[in-house]
Amino acid sequence: MASCLEETLKARLKGIPADQIVFVGIGNRYRGDDAAGPAIIDLLAEKVPHTIDAGSAPENVTGAIKKLKPKAIVLIDALIFKDAPPGSAFVVESDEIAQKGFSHTLSLDFVMDYLRQETGADVFLIGVQPGHIEDMEGLSAGMQEALEKITASLLGAIA
C-alpha cells in the first residue's frame, strides 16, 4: 500500500515526466540528520534524471535548476515539526515556511518563490523531521531507513 506521502506526491506530480522534475537536496552532511536532503539525493541520483545536492545554500544552485527548464522542483530538507517523530516527512509550501519560521542563510520561501517565478514550475518542499542536528557525520539511528522509505515514495510517485 502506498504511503500518504506517495499519494500526495502522485497527485502533485501527475502527468509531469520524470525528466522535467528536479530534486534538490538541502542540508549539511556534517550536522547529523541535517543531511537528510543530500542523503535522499544520493539515493535518487541514479534513478531519476535530475538531482542536485545544494548543500546548505540552495540559492547557489538556482542557475543550474533554471537551465533544466523543469515543470516541477522538489526541494528536500530537514525541518523541525512540533511533535513529529524523527523521519516523518511532510509536503510544505513556501507560505508555510514563513509562517512557521523555518530558515536558512537565505530563507527557503524566498528561494522557492524565486524559482517558481523564474521557471513557472510547481515548487514545493518535502520537510523531513530530524532526530538529531549536531556536529557529527552520519545519520541518527533509524534515519537511513526512514529516508529510504521517503525515497521509495518519491520514486513511486513518478513511476
Protein backbone atom coordinates (compact mmCIF):
# COMPACT_ATOMS: atom_id res chain seq x y z
CA MET A 1 0.00 0.00 0.00
CA ALA A 2 1.34 3.42 -0.93
CA SER A 3 2.12 5.88 1.80
CA CYS A 4 0.20 9.09 2.40
CA LEU A 5 3.28 10.99 1.22
CA GLU A 6 3.38 8.98 -2.00
CA GLU A 7 -0.31 9.64 -2.68
CA THR A 8 0.20 13.38 -2.10
CA LEU A 9 3.20 13.37 -4.43
CA LYS A 10 1.37 11.38 -7.11
CA ALA A 11 -1.42 13.95 -7.12
CA ARG A 12 1.08 16.80 -7.21
CA LEU A 13 3.35 15.38 -9.91
CA LYS A 14 0.65 13.75 -12.04
CA GLY A 15 1.44 13.96 -15.73
CA ILE A 16 4.89 15.52 -15.31
CA PRO A 17 7.60 13.39 -16.97
CA ALA A 18 10.49 12.42 -14.69
CA ASP A 19 12.93 14.30 -16.91
CA GLN A 20 11.05 17.54 -16.17
CA ILE A 21 11.33 17.19 -12.37
CA VAL A 22 14.37 18.44 -10.46
CA PHE A 23 15.05 17.07 -6.98
CA VAL A 24 17.17 19.35 -4.79
CA GLY A 25 18.63 18.14 -1.50
CA ILE A 26 19.40 20.80 1.10
CA GLY A 27 21.46 20.27 4.23
CA ASN A 28 24.85 19.92 5.86
CA ARG A 29 26.34 16.42 5.75
CA TYR A 30 28.36 17.16 8.90
CA ARG A 31 25.38 18.09 11.11
CA GLY A 32 23.73 14.72 11.74
CA ASP A 33 20.20 14.49 10.36
CA ASP A 34 20.50 17.88 8.67
CA ALA A 35 21.98 15.67 5.93
CA ALA A 36 18.53 14.22 5.15
CA GLY A 37 18.16 16.18 1.90
CA PRO A 38 21.58 15.30 0.46
CA ALA A 39 21.17 11.68 1.65
CA ILE A 40 17.91 11.35 -0.32
CA ILE A 41 19.64 12.88 -3.36
CA ASP A 42 22.30 10.15 -3.03
CA LEU A 43 19.54 7.52 -3.08
CA LEU A 44 17.80 9.13 -6.08
CA ALA A 45 20.89 10.04 -8.12
CA GLU A 46 21.00 7.02 -10.43
CA LYS A 47 17.23 6.55 -10.57
CA VAL A 48 15.97 9.93 -11.81
CA PRO A 49 17.31 12.28 -14.50
CA HIS A 50 17.87 15.44 -12.41
CA THR A 51 19.23 15.62 -8.85
CA ILE A 52 21.16 18.44 -7.25
CA ASP A 53 22.88 18.43 -3.85
CA ALA A 54 22.62 22.10 -2.83
CA GLY A 55 24.44 21.65 0.45
CA SER A 56 23.42 24.34 2.93
CA ALA A 57 22.88 27.05 0.31
CA PRO A 58 20.05 26.33 -2.15
CA GLU A 59 20.36 29.87 -3.51
CA ASN A 60 23.70 28.85 -5.04
CA VAL A 61 22.10 26.30 -7.40
CA THR A 62 19.18 28.31 -8.77
CA GLY A 63 21.01 28.92 -12.06
CA ALA A 64 21.62 25.19 -12.56
CA ILE A 65 17.96 24.47 -11.78
CA LYS A 66 16.69 27.10 -14.22
CA LYS A 67 18.84 25.69 -17.05
CA LEU A 68 16.96 22.38 -16.77
CA LYS A 69 13.63 24.11 -17.53
CA PRO A 70 11.68 21.96 -15.06
CA LYS A 71 7.92 21.65 -14.69
CA ALA A 72 8.35 20.67 -11.01
CA ILE A 73 11.05 21.38 -8.44
CA VAL A 74 11.07 19.25 -5.29
CA LEU A 75 13.29 20.55 -2.52
CA ILE A 76 14.12 18.15 0.33
CA ASP A 77 15.37 19.39 3.68
CA ALA A 78 15.40 18.56 7.37
CA LEU A 79 12.80 20.73 9.11
CA ILE A 80 11.69 20.61 12.72
CA PHE A 81 7.97 19.97 13.11
CA LYS A 82 6.39 20.09 16.53
CA ASP A 83 5.55 16.64 17.92
CA ALA A 84 6.50 14.67 14.79
CA PRO A 85 8.65 11.55 15.16
CA PRO A 86 12.10 11.52 13.51
CA GLY A 87 11.94 10.50 9.86
CA SER A 88 8.41 11.85 9.34
CA ALA A 89 8.01 13.67 6.03
CA PHE A 90 5.62 16.42 5.05
CA VAL A 91 4.94 18.45 1.90
CA VAL A 92 5.49 22.11 2.76
CA GLU A 93 4.54 25.16 0.70
CA SER A 94 6.58 28.37 0.62
CA ASP A 95 3.97 30.36 2.57
CA GLU A 96 4.08 27.77 5.37
CA ILE A 97 7.84 28.23 5.71
CA ALA A 98 7.49 31.91 6.52
CA GLN A 99 4.59 31.26 8.92
CA LYS A 100 6.43 28.56 10.87
CA GLY A 101 9.80 30.32 10.93
CA PHE A 102 11.94 27.74 9.10
CA SER A 103 15.12 29.46 8.00
CA HIS A 104 18.38 29.13 6.10
CA THR A 105 21.10 31.56 5.06
CA LEU A 106 18.55 32.82 2.57
CA SER A 107 15.03 31.89 3.53
CA LEU A 108 13.69 28.81 1.76
CA ASP A 109 10.41 30.55 0.97
CA PHE A 110 12.33 33.24 -0.93
CA VAL A 111 14.26 30.62 -2.93
CA MET A 112 11.07 28.67 -3.67
CA ASP A 113 9.15 31.76 -4.78
CA TYR A 114 12.09 32.90 -6.92
CA LEU A 115 12.31 29.51 -8.66
CA ARG A 116 8.54 29.46 -9.22
CA GLN A 117 8.66 32.92 -10.77
CA GLU A 118 11.71 32.21 -12.94
CA THR A 119 10.69 28.76 -14.20
CA GLY A 120 6.89 28.63 -13.94
CA ALA A 121 7.39 25.25 -12.26
CA ASP A 122 5.44 23.80 -9.36
CA VAL A 123 7.88 24.28 -6.46
CA PHE A 124 7.44 22.61 -3.09
CA LEU A 125 9.45 21.19 -0.25
CA ILE A 126 9.50 17.83 1.44
CA GLY A 127 10.42 18.50 5.05
CA VAL A 128 11.93 15.60 6.99
CA GLN A 129 11.78 15.62 10.79
CA PRO A 130 15.35 15.17 12.09
CA GLY A 131 16.25 13.12 15.15
CA HIS A 132 19.47 14.98 15.94
CA ILE A 133 21.09 18.02 14.39
CA GLU A 134 24.53 18.44 15.85
CA ASP A 135 28.14 18.43 14.72
CA MET A 136 28.57 14.81 13.68
CA GLU A 137 28.96 12.90 10.46
CA GLY A 138 26.27 10.35 9.73
CA LEU A 139 22.58 9.99 10.41
CA SER A 140 20.94 9.12 13.72
CA ALA A 141 19.59 5.62 14.41
CA GLY A 142 16.67 4.71 12.17
CA MET A 143 17.01 7.75 9.93
CA GLN A 144 18.56 5.88 6.98
CA GLU A 145 15.58 3.51 6.88
CA ALA A 146 13.16 6.46 7.03
CA LEU A 147 14.98 8.19 4.17
CA GLU A 148 14.82 5.01 2.10
CA LYS A 149 11.03 4.94 2.59
CA ILE A 150 10.73 8.59 1.58
CA THR A 151 12.86 7.87 -1.50
CA ALA A 152 10.59 4.94 -2.37
CA SER A 153 7.58 7.27 -2.09
CA LEU A 154 9.24 9.76 -4.43
CA LEU A 155 10.05 7.06 -6.96
CA GLY A 156 6.56 5.57 -6.65
CA ALA A 157 5.03 8.96 -7.33
CA ILE A 158 6.83 9.39 -10.65
CA ALA A 159 6.56 5.78 -11.84
